[in-house]
C-alpha atoms as a PDB file:
ATOM      1  CA  MET A   1    -156.101 123.923 155.382  1.00  0.00           C
ATOM      2  CA  SER A   2    -153.023 125.609 153.971  1.00  0.00           C
ATOM      3  CA  GLY A   3    -151.241 128.298 155.937  1.00  0.00           C
ATOM      4  CA  VAL A   4    -150.846 131.529 153.985  1.00  0.00           C
ATOM      5  CA  GLY A   5    -150.507 133.910 156.907  1.00  0.00           C
ATOM      6  CA  GLY A   6    -153.142 134.856 159.457  1.00  0.00           C
ATOM      7  CA  LYS A   7    -154.404 132.903 162.420  1.00  0.00           C
ATOM      8  CA  TYR A   8    -156.325 129.638 162.169  1.00  0.00           C
ATOM      9  CA  ILE A   9    -158.554 128.345 164.931  1.00  0.00           C
ATOM     10  CA  PRO A  10    -160.345 125.200 163.721  1.00  0.00           C
ATOM     11  CA  ASN A  11    -163.884 124.380 164.787  1.00  0.00           C
ATOM     12  CA  ALA A  12    -164.325 127.928 166.058  1.00  0.00           C
ATOM     13  CA  ASN A  13    -168.069 127.430 165.794  1.00  0.00           C
ATOM     14  CA  ASP A  14    -168.171 125.241 168.898  1.00  0.00           C
ATOM     15  CA  GLY A  15    -165.083 126.477 170.722  1.00  0.00           C
ATOM     16  CA  GLN A  16    -164.452 123.020 172.165  1.00  0.00           C
ATOM     17  CA  ASP A  17    -161.000 121.819 173.152  1.00  0.00           C
ATOM     18  CA  MET A  18    -159.929 119.314 170.525  1.00  0.00           C
ATOM     19  CA  ASP A  19    -158.050 117.188 173.081  1.00  0.00           C
ATOM     20  CA  HIS A  20    -154.651 117.545 171.464  1.00  0.00           C
ATOM     21  CA  ASP A  21    -151.950 115.260 172.843  1.00  0.00           C
ATOM     22  CA  VAL A  22    -149.094 116.987 171.009  1.00  0.00           C
ATOM     23  CA  TYR A  23    -148.600 120.389 169.408  1.00  0.00           C
ATOM     24  CA  VAL A  24    -146.371 120.329 166.347  1.00  0.00           C
ATOM     25  CA  VAL A  25    -144.571 123.663 166.073  1.00  0.00           C
ATOM     26  CA  GLN A  26    -142.709 124.966 163.034  1.00  0.00           C
ATOM     27  CA  ILE A  27    -141.230 128.343 162.265  1.00  0.00           C
ATOM     28  CA  VAL A  28    -139.857 130.379 159.406  1.00  0.00           C
ATOM     29  CA  ALA A  29    -136.784 132.401 160.406  1.00  0.00           C
ATOM     30  CA  ASP A  30    -135.077 135.153 158.435  1.00  0.00           C
ATOM     31  CA  GLY A  31    -131.771 133.291 158.333  1.00  0.00           C
ATOM     32  CA  PRO A  32    -130.110 129.929 159.032  1.00  0.00           C
ATOM     33  CA  ASP A  33    -128.069 130.787 162.114  1.00  0.00           C
ATOM     34  CA  GLY A  34    -130.563 130.965 164.984  1.00  0.00           C
ATOM     35  CA  PHE A  35    -130.744 133.335 167.944  1.00  0.00           C
ATOM     36  CA  PRO A  36    -129.471 136.020 168.329  1.00  0.00           C
ATOM     37  CA  ALA A  37    -128.541 136.511 164.684  1.00  0.00           C
ATOM     38  CA  ASP A  38    -131.947 135.608 163.255  1.00  0.00           C
ATOM     39  CA  HIS A  39    -135.567 136.412 163.990  1.00  0.00           C
ATOM     40  CA  VAL A  40    -138.705 134.275 163.944  1.00  0.00           C
ATOM     41  CA  ALA A  41    -140.757 135.718 161.091  1.00  0.00           C
ATOM     42  CA  GLU A  42    -143.651 133.249 161.208  1.00  0.00           C
ATOM     43  CA  ILE A  43    -144.888 130.467 163.459  1.00  0.00           C
ATOM     44  CA  GLY A  44    -147.381 127.687 162.733  1.00  0.00           C
ATOM     45  CA  ILE A  45    -148.847 125.145 165.154  1.00  0.00           C
ATOM     46  CA  CYS A  46    -150.904 121.994 164.594  1.00  0.00           C
ATOM     47  CA  GLY A  47    -152.601 120.111 167.392  1.00  0.00           C
ATOM     48  CA  VAL A  48    -152.449 116.328 167.050  1.00  0.00           C
ATOM     49  CA  SER A  49    -154.727 113.773 168.679  1.00  0.00           C
ATOM     50  CA  LEU A  50    -152.807 110.502 168.884  1.00  0.00           C
ATOM     51  CA  SER A  51    -155.929 108.563 169.807  1.00  0.00           C
ATOM     52  CA  ARG A  52    -157.847 109.780 166.743  1.00  0.00           C
ATOM     53  CA  MET A  53    -154.728 110.102 164.584  1.00  0.00           C
ATOM     54  CA  ASP A  54    -155.747 113.452 163.177  1.00  0.00           C
ATOM     55  CA  ALA A  55    -154.429 116.989 163.247  1.00  0.00           C
ATOM     56  CA  ASP A  56    -155.982 120.441 163.413  1.00  0.00           C
ATOM     57  CA  SER A  57    -154.340 123.720 162.468  1.00  0.00           C
ATOM     58  CA  VAL A  58    -154.550 125.801 165.617  1.00  0.00           C
ATOM     59  CA  TYR A  59    -152.254 128.776 165.068  1.00  0.00           C
ATOM     60  CA  GLY A  60    -150.434 130.581 162.282  1.00  0.00           C
ATOM     61  CA  GLU A  61    -149.080 134.110 162.467  1.00  0.00           C
ATOM     62  CA  VAL A  62    -146.594 136.386 160.728  1.00  0.00           C
ATOM     63  CA  VAL A  63    -144.490 138.362 163.214  1.00  0.00           C
ATOM     64  CA  ALA A  64    -144.179 142.089 162.576  1.00  0.00           C
ATOM     65  CA  LEU A  65    -140.617 142.901 161.519  1.00  0.00           C
ATOM     66  CA  ASP A  66    -139.320 146.097 159.942  1.00  0.00           C
ATOM     67  CA  PRO A  67    -138.140 145.232 156.422  1.00  0.00           C
ATOM     68  CA  ARG A  68    -135.813 148.249 156.432  1.00  0.00           C
ATOM     69  CA  GLU A  69    -133.964 146.841 159.429  1.00  0.00           C
ATOM     70  CA  LEU A  70    -133.830 143.314 158.025  1.00  0.00           C
ATOM     71  CA  GLY A  71    -132.232 144.362 154.751  1.00  0.00           C
ATOM     72  CA  LYS A  72    -132.351 142.843 151.293  1.00  0.00           C
ATOM     73  CA  ARG A  73    -130.474 139.627 152.105  1.00  0.00           C
ATOM     74  CA  ARG A  74    -132.915 138.583 154.827  1.00  0.00           C
ATOM     75  CA  LEU A  75    -135.963 139.708 152.844  1.00  0.00           C
ATOM     76  CA  ASP A  76    -134.781 137.677 149.860  1.00  0.00           C
ATOM     77  CA  TYR A  77    -134.190 134.683 152.157  1.00  0.00           C
ATOM     78  CA  LEU A  78    -137.751 134.856 153.517  1.00  0.00           C
ATOM     79  CA  GLU A  79    -139.331 135.260 150.097  1.00  0.00           C
ATOM     80  CA  GLU A  80    -137.281 132.487 148.500  1.00  0.00           C
ATOM     81  CA  ARG A  81    -137.767 130.039 151.381  1.00  0.00           C
ATOM     82  CA  ALA A  82    -141.384 130.707 152.304  1.00  0.00           C
ATOM     83  CA  GLY A  83    -142.899 133.358 150.056  1.00  0.00           C
ATOM     84  CA  ILE A  84    -143.108 135.861 152.918  1.00  0.00           C
ATOM     85  CA  THR A  85    -143.074 139.410 151.552  1.00  0.00           C
ATOM     86  CA  ALA A  86    -141.974 142.722 153.010  1.00  0.00           C
ATOM     87  CA  GLY A  87    -145.608 143.839 153.009  1.00  0.00           C
ATOM     88  CA  GLU A  88    -146.630 140.884 155.173  1.00  0.00           C
ATOM     89  CA  LEU A  89    -143.886 141.702 157.671  1.00  0.00           C
ATOM     90  CA  TYR A  90    -145.072 145.327 157.849  1.00  0.00           C
ATOM     91  CA  ALA A  91    -148.612 144.119 158.477  1.00  0.00           C
ATOM     92  CA  GLY A  92    -147.608 141.321 160.861  1.00  0.00           C
ATOM     93  CA  THR A  93    -148.695 140.933 164.468  1.00  0.00           C
ATOM     94  CA  PRO A  94    -146.409 142.491 167.110  1.00  0.00           C
ATOM     95  CA  GLU A  95    -143.929 139.965 168.439  1.00  0.00           C
ATOM     96  CA  GLU A  96    -144.999 140.363 172.075  1.00  0.00           C
ATOM     97  CA  LYS A  97    -148.600 139.583 171.143  1.00  0.00           C
ATOM     98  CA  VAL A  98    -147.615 136.483 169.162  1.00  0.00           C
ATOM     99  CA  ILE A  99    -145.388 135.289 171.996  1.00  0.00           C
ATOM    100  CA  GLY A 100    -148.191 135.764 174.525  1.00  0.00           C
ATOM    101  CA  GLU A 101    -150.667 133.857 172.391  1.00  0.00           C
ATOM    102  CA  VAL A 102    -148.219 131.024 171.728  1.00  0.00           C
ATOM    103  CA  LYS A 103    -147.324 130.695 175.413  1.00  0.00           C
ATOM    104  CA  SER A 104    -150.998 130.669 176.358  1.00  0.00           C
ATOM    105  CA  LEU A 105    -151.747 127.972 173.791  1.00  0.00           C
ATOM    106  CA  LEU A 106    -148.786 125.745 174.646  1.00  0.00           C
ATOM    107  CA  GLN A 107    -148.653 126.218 178.444  1.00  0.00           C
ATOM    108  CA  GLY A 108    -148.259 122.840 180.121  1.00  0.00           C
ATOM    109  CA  GLY A 109    -148.516 121.014 176.803  1.00  0.00           C
ATOM    110  CA  THR A 110    -146.297 118.611 174.912  1.00  0.00           C
ATOM    111  CA  VAL A 111    -144.619 119.807 171.732  1.00  0.00           C
ATOM    112  CA  ALA A 112    -142.867 118.258 168.783  1.00  0.00           C
ATOM    113  CA  ALA A 113    -141.014 119.686 165.805  1.00  0.00           C
ATOM    114  CA  TYR A 114    -139.331 118.215 162.784  1.00  0.00           C
ATOM    115  CA  ASP A 115    -136.012 119.425 164.215  1.00  0.00           C
ATOM    116  CA  ILE A 116    -136.355 120.265 167.915  1.00  0.00           C
ATOM    117  CA  LYS A 117    -132.888 121.844 168.015  1.00  0.00           C
ATOM    118  CA  ASN A 118    -133.660 124.294 165.238  1.00  0.00           C
ATOM    119  CA  VAL A 119    -137.164 125.306 166.305  1.00  0.00           C
ATOM    120  CA  PHE A 120    -136.630 125.421 170.051  1.00  0.00           C
ATOM    121  CA  TYR A 121    -132.945 125.379 171.027  1.00  0.00           C
ATOM    122  CA  TYR A 122    -131.962 127.891 168.356  1.00  0.00           C
ATOM    123  CA  HIS A 123    -135.104 130.032 168.479  1.00  0.00           C
ATOM    124  CA  LEU A 124    -138.047 129.526 170.834  1.00  0.00           C
ATOM    125  CA  LEU A 125    -136.092 128.927 174.050  1.00  0.00           C
ATOM    126  CA  ASN A 126    -134.220 132.193 173.618  1.00  0.00           C
ATOM    127  CA  GLY A 127    -134.756 135.910 173.935  1.00  0.00           C
ATOM    128  CA  ALA A 128    -138.282 137.208 174.320  1.00  0.00           C
ATOM    129  CA  TRP A 129    -139.766 133.884 173.172  1.00  0.00           C
ATOM    130  CA  ASP A 130    -138.172 131.860 176.009  1.00  0.00           C
ATOM    131  CA  LEU A 131    -140.581 128.951 176.285  1.00  0.00           C
ATOM    132  CA  THR A 132    -138.336 127.327 178.902  1.00  0.00           C
ATOM    133  CA  GLY A 133    -140.514 125.594 181.491  1.00  0.00           C
ATOM    134  CA  THR A 134    -143.644 126.160 179.415  1.00  0.00           C
ATOM    135  CA  VAL A 135    -143.662 122.882 177.470  1.00  0.00           C
ATOM    136  CA  SER A 136    -142.465 119.275 177.473  1.00  0.00           C
ATOM    137  CA  PHE A 137    -140.685 117.893 174.417  1.00  0.00           C
ATOM    138  CA  MET A 138    -141.228 114.859 172.237  1.00  0.00           C
ATOM    139  CA  PRO A 139    -138.226 113.622 170.222  1.00  0.00           C
ATOM    140  CA  ALA A 140    -137.415 115.407 166.990  1.00  0.00           C
ATOM    141  CA  ILE A 141    -139.576 113.928 164.241  1.00  0.00           C
ATOM    142  CA  SER A 142    -136.602 113.841 161.870  1.00  0.00           C
ATOM    143  CA  ALA A 143    -134.611 111.769 164.370  1.00  0.00           C
ATOM    144  CA  ARG A 144    -136.926 108.821 163.651  1.00  0.00           C
ATOM    145  CA  LEU A 145    -136.439 109.099 159.881  1.00  0.00           C
ATOM    146  CA  ASP A 146    -133.749 107.839 157.533  1.00  0.00           C
ATOM    147  CA  ARG A 147    -130.776 110.187 157.255  1.00  0.00           C
ATOM    148  CA  GLY A 148    -131.842 111.280 153.786  1.00  0.00           C
ATOM    149  CA  PHE A 149    -134.799 113.124 155.313  1.00  0.00           C
ATOM    150  CA  ARG A 150    -132.761 114.938 157.954  1.00  0.00           C
ATOM    151  CA  PRO A 151    -131.660 118.489 157.197  1.00  0.00           C
ATOM    152  CA  ALA A 152    -127.910 118.670 156.625  1.00  0.00           C
ATOM    153  CA  VAL A 153    -128.005 122.403 157.297  1.00  0.00           C
ATOM    154  CA  ARG A 154    -130.170 123.998 159.975  1.00  0.00           C
ATOM    155  CA  GLY A 155    -131.778 126.427 157.541  1.00  0.00           C
ATOM    156  CA  ASP A 156    -132.867 123.551 155.301  1.00  0.00           C
ATOM    157  CA  GLU A 157    -135.294 122.068 157.829  1.00  0.00           C
ATOM    158  CA  ASN A 158    -138.424 123.055 155.930  1.00  0.00           C
ATOM    159  CA  ILE A 159    -136.982 121.588 152.718  1.00  0.00           C
ATOM    160  CA  GLY A 160    -136.474 118.295 154.551  1.00  0.00           C
ATOM    161  CA  ILE A 161    -140.055 118.420 155.824  1.00  0.00           C
ATOM    162  CA  ARG A 162    -141.394 118.664 152.272  1.00  0.00           C
ATOM    163  CA  LYS A 163    -139.182 115.787 151.137  1.00  0.00           C
ATOM    164  CA  ALA A 164    -140.339 113.498 153.974  1.00  0.00           C
ATOM    165  CA  TYR A 165    -143.995 114.470 153.559  1.00  0.00           C
ATOM    166  CA  GLU A 166    -144.063 113.729 149.841  1.00  0.00           C
ATOM    167  CA  ALA A 167    -142.335 110.372 150.380  1.00  0.00           C
ATOM    168  CA  MET A 168    -144.409 109.224 153.353  1.00  0.00           C
ATOM    169  CA  CYS A 169    -147.791 110.869 152.799  1.00  0.00           C
ATOM    170  CA  PRO A 170    -148.733 110.440 149.135  1.00  0.00           C
ATOM    171  CA  GLY A 171    -151.723 112.332 147.839  1.00  0.00           C
ATOM    172  CA  ASP A 172    -151.125 115.429 149.999  1.00  0.00           C
ATOM    173  CA  PRO A 173    -153.511 114.435 152.838  1.00  0.00           C
ATOM    174  CA  MET A 174    -153.025 117.798 154.576  1.00  0.00           C
ATOM    175  CA  GLY A 175    -153.910 119.751 151.456  1.00  0.00           C
ATOM    176  CA  VAL A 176    -150.872 122.009 151.595  1.00  0.00           C
ATOM    177  CA  GLY A 177    -150.179 121.952 147.870  1.00  0.00           C
ATOM    178  CA  GLY A 178    -146.854 123.634 147.244  1.00  0.00           C
ATOM    179  CA  GLY A 179    -147.056 125.708 150.429  1.00  0.00           C
ATOM    180  CA  SER A 180    -143.915 126.390 152.409  1.00  0.00           C
ATOM    181  CA  ARG A 181    -145.225 128.655 155.166  1.00  0.00           C
ATOM    182  CA  ALA A 182    -144.804 127.849 158.860  1.00  0.00           C
ATOM    183  CA  LEU A 183    -148.286 126.364 159.149  1.00  0.00           C
ATOM    184  CA  ASP A 184    -147.804 124.327 155.974  1.00  0.00           C
ATOM    185  CA  CYS A 185    -144.630 122.921 157.523  1.00  0.00           C
ATOM    186  CA  ALA A 186    -146.413 122.201 160.808  1.00  0.00           C
ATOM    187  CA  GLN A 187    -149.155 120.363 158.917  1.00  0.00           C
ATOM    188  CA  MET A 188    -146.664 118.313 156.911  1.00  0.00           C
ATOM    189  CA  SER A 189    -144.613 117.534 160.039  1.00  0.00           C
ATOM    190  CA  ALA A 190    -147.763 116.432 161.861  1.00  0.00           C
ATOM    191  CA  ALA A 191    -148.658 114.094 159.001  1.00  0.00           C
ATOM    192  CA  VAL A 192    -145.160 112.567 159.003  1.00  0.00           C
ATOM    193  CA  MET A 193    -145.305 112.168 162.789  1.00  0.00           C
ATOM    194  CA  MET A 194    -148.626 110.328 162.563  1.00  0.00           C
ATOM    195  CA  GLU A 195    -147.239 107.998 159.897  1.00  0.00           C
ATOM    196  CA  LEU A 196    -144.283 107.226 162.152  1.00  0.00           C
ATOM    197  CA  ARG A 197    -146.669 106.637 165.037  1.00  0.00           C
ATOM    198  CA  ARG A 198    -148.749 104.203 162.969  1.00  0.00           C
ATOM    199  CA  ALA A 199    -145.558 102.329 162.134  1.00  0.00           C
ATOM    200  CA  GLY A 200    -144.589 102.146 165.821  1.00  0.00           C
ATOM    201  CA  ARG A 201    -141.528 104.354 165.299  1.00  0.00           C
ATOM    202  CA  TYR A 202    -142.598 107.442 167.269  1.00  0.00           C
END
């Protein structure tokens, strides 16, 4: 399932816990510098079962931001990097609601991200998000990859995710196509993590 905004709760017909061992979290921010300069504009989360070696998309949401306050440079950054439009930001979910839902989902769980520093240290452990004490961390997925797949610049994380996914997961097993939204990036990161796990490297 490809993330194009909106929330995704898989297997909603039975409402059963999918027994996720790890939640892979990815974000789209409106700039490359992190908190407090930048804002989280979108968050996507995949739940991964390491015993079954499969992943489910469990959350994807655009955060409501006022395009007039962001300005053209940040709006252009979001559209160029992830295809997020001003209209989607206007229609997004209030930040406090997204934060509450994310904390409820992740409480007491284990999380991973392609670049833990970028996603958590520079964003989700700060300000209103402050997930400190809410989760336990796995190593950064990119830390177990060759240097060529590691983002040289913090804002290039999602570009590195695409590069690693295409190299390690031929045939687009997650069905993301050319997507670059937060949930797309979470899905691709989850697939790379599972490949590393199969190879005994994660």
